[in-house]
Amino acid sequence: VQLQAFGGGLVQAGGSLSLSCAASRRTGSNNGMGWFRQAPGKEREFVAGISWTGGSTYYSDSVKGRFTISRDNAKNTVYMQMNSLKTEDTAVYYCAVALSSMPSVVASGYRYWGQGTEVTVSS
């Protein structure tokens, strides 16, 4: 399974971006999905996750209330709407397929990773 993320770019603080991540095919099982990010010099961190059904979503405290994750299983695509962006949101954002139907907050809970899309928030 290959994942390709789209939608990164340069935006001013307070602005919005919408990321999408398309999988090349179904994995053959019902998997949760997640978004992680990695800022320069920092470790990769969990941002948001969504269950296979889309009925359960999870967010890191730093983005809760500003970011919204969603998915369209018919299109094998997961989305993340990012509003009220802050300079500290600057990072490369990665999407990933979870090992189970529920997302994990740790990177080891994922089996497939996209190549990343860069988000830069200017002040």
Protein backbone atom coordinates (compact mmCIF):
# COMPACT_ATOMS: atom_id res chain seq x y z
CA VAL A 1 0.00 0.00 0.00
CA GLN A 2 1.34 3.39 -0.94
CA LEU A 3 0.14 6.59 0.69
CA GLN A 4 0.43 10.00 -0.89
CA ALA A 5 -0.22 13.15 1.07
CA PHE A 6 -1.31 16.42 -0.47
CA GLY A 7 -2.17 19.91 0.61
CA GLY A 8 0.85 21.25 2.43
CA GLY A 9 2.15 24.72 1.82
CA LEU A 10 2.91 28.11 3.26
CA VAL A 11 0.22 29.93 5.22
CA GLN A 12 0.11 32.83 7.62
CA ALA A 13 -0.65 32.32 11.26
CA GLY A 14 -4.39 32.15 11.78
CA GLY A 15 -4.94 30.68 8.36
CA SER A 16 -6.15 27.26 7.26
CA LEU A 17 -4.93 24.33 5.23
CA SER A 18 -6.54 21.09 4.23
CA LEU A 19 -4.45 17.95 3.95
CA SER A 20 -5.48 14.78 2.21
CA CYS A 21 -3.87 11.37 2.02
CA ALA A 22 -4.81 8.82 -0.58
CA ALA A 23 -3.99 5.14 -0.35
CA SER A 24 -3.21 3.24 -3.53
CA ARG A 25 -5.53 0.43 -2.53
CA ARG A 26 -7.38 -1.12 0.37
CA THR A 27 -5.15 -2.92 2.82
CA GLY A 28 -7.44 -5.94 2.92
CA SER A 29 -8.44 -5.21 6.49
CA ASN A 30 -10.26 -2.42 8.23
CA ASN A 31 -7.62 -0.02 9.50
CA GLY A 32 -7.58 3.14 11.49
CA MET A 33 -5.63 6.06 10.10
CA GLY A 34 -3.49 8.73 11.68
CA TRP A 35 -1.62 11.93 11.04
CA PHE A 36 1.74 12.61 12.61
CA ARG A 37 4.10 15.52 12.24
CA GLN A 38 7.79 16.13 12.65
CA ALA A 39 9.28 19.56 13.12
CA PRO A 40 12.99 20.22 12.49
CA GLY A 41 15.08 18.85 15.32
CA LYS A 42 12.11 17.22 17.00
CA GLU A 43 10.69 13.74 17.21
CA ARG A 44 7.69 12.66 15.19
CA GLU A 45 4.53 13.25 17.17
CA PHE A 46 0.92 12.14 16.95
CA VAL A 47 -1.51 14.76 15.70
CA ALA A 48 -4.82 13.06 15.00
CA GLY A 49 -6.31 9.63 14.43
CA ILE A 50 -9.55 8.17 13.19
CA SER A 51 -11.09 4.74 13.47
CA TRP A 52 -12.01 2.60 10.48
CA THR A 53 -15.67 3.57 10.71
CA GLY A 54 -14.86 7.21 11.29
CA GLY A 55 -16.93 7.09 14.45
CA SER A 56 -13.99 7.73 16.77
CA THR A 57 -11.46 10.50 16.43
CA TYR A 58 -8.53 11.45 18.59
CA TYR A 59 -6.40 14.57 18.77
CA SER A 60 -3.30 15.73 20.52
CA ASP A 61 -3.93 18.47 23.03
CA SER A 62 -1.94 20.91 20.91
CA VAL A 63 -4.39 20.71 17.98
CA LYS A 64 -7.67 19.85 19.66
CA GLY A 65 -10.37 22.25 18.63
CA ARG A 66 -8.39 23.50 15.62
CA PHE A 67 -7.83 20.37 13.50
CA THR A 68 -10.46 17.95 12.22
CA ILE A 69 -9.71 14.50 10.83
CA SER A 70 -12.13 12.67 8.57
CA ARG A 71 -12.09 9.86 6.04
CA ASP A 72 -13.83 8.56 2.96
CA ASN A 73 -13.37 4.81 2.76
CA ALA A 74 -14.87 4.64 -0.72
CA LYS A 75 -11.96 6.81 -1.88
CA ASN A 76 -9.33 5.27 0.42
CA THR A 77 -8.62 8.79 1.59
CA VAL A 78 -8.15 10.49 4.94
CA TYR A 79 -8.35 14.23 5.40
CA MET A 80 -7.29 16.75 7.98
CA GLN A 81 -8.68 20.26 8.08
CA MET A 82 -6.33 22.58 9.93
CA ASN A 83 -7.69 25.90 11.15
CA SER A 84 -6.27 28.70 13.27
CA LEU A 85 -2.78 27.60 12.38
CA LYS A 86 0.10 28.63 14.60
CA THR A 87 3.79 28.95 13.86
CA GLU A 88 4.37 25.93 16.08
CA ASP A 89 2.32 23.83 13.65
CA THR A 90 5.18 24.11 11.16
CA ALA A 91 6.32 20.58 10.36
CA VAL A 92 6.27 17.80 7.83
CA TYR A 93 2.95 16.00 8.16
CA TYR A 94 2.72 12.26 7.60
CA CYS A 95 -0.31 10.05 7.20
CA ALA A 96 -0.23 6.43 8.22
CA VAL A 97 -2.31 3.26 8.24
CA ALA A 98 -2.81 1.77 11.69
CA LEU A 99 -2.23 -1.86 12.56
CA SER A 100 -5.79 -2.21 13.80
CA SER A 101 -9.21 -0.68 13.24
CA MET A 102 -8.39 1.94 15.83
CA PRO A 103 -5.64 4.56 15.54
CA SER A 104 -2.68 4.64 17.88
CA VAL A 105 -0.93 7.62 19.41
CA VAL A 106 2.47 6.03 18.88
CA ALA A 107 4.25 5.55 15.58
CA SER A 108 4.84 1.85 16.23
CA GLY A 109 1.09 1.35 15.93
CA TYR A 110 1.19 1.98 12.17
CA ARG A 111 2.26 -0.19 9.30
CA TYR A 112 2.25 2.04 6.23
CA TRP A 113 3.46 5.62 6.00
CA GLY A 114 3.14 8.34 3.39
CA GLN A 115 6.04 10.45 2.21
CA GLY A 116 4.99 13.57 4.08
CA THR A 117 3.81 17.00 3.08
CA GLU A 118 5.39 20.15 4.42
CA VAL A 119 3.40 22.77 6.26
CA THR A 120 4.96 26.12 7.03
CA VAL A 121 3.13 28.68 9.13
CA SER A 122 4.59 32.17 9.07
CA SER A 123 4.05 34.84 11.70
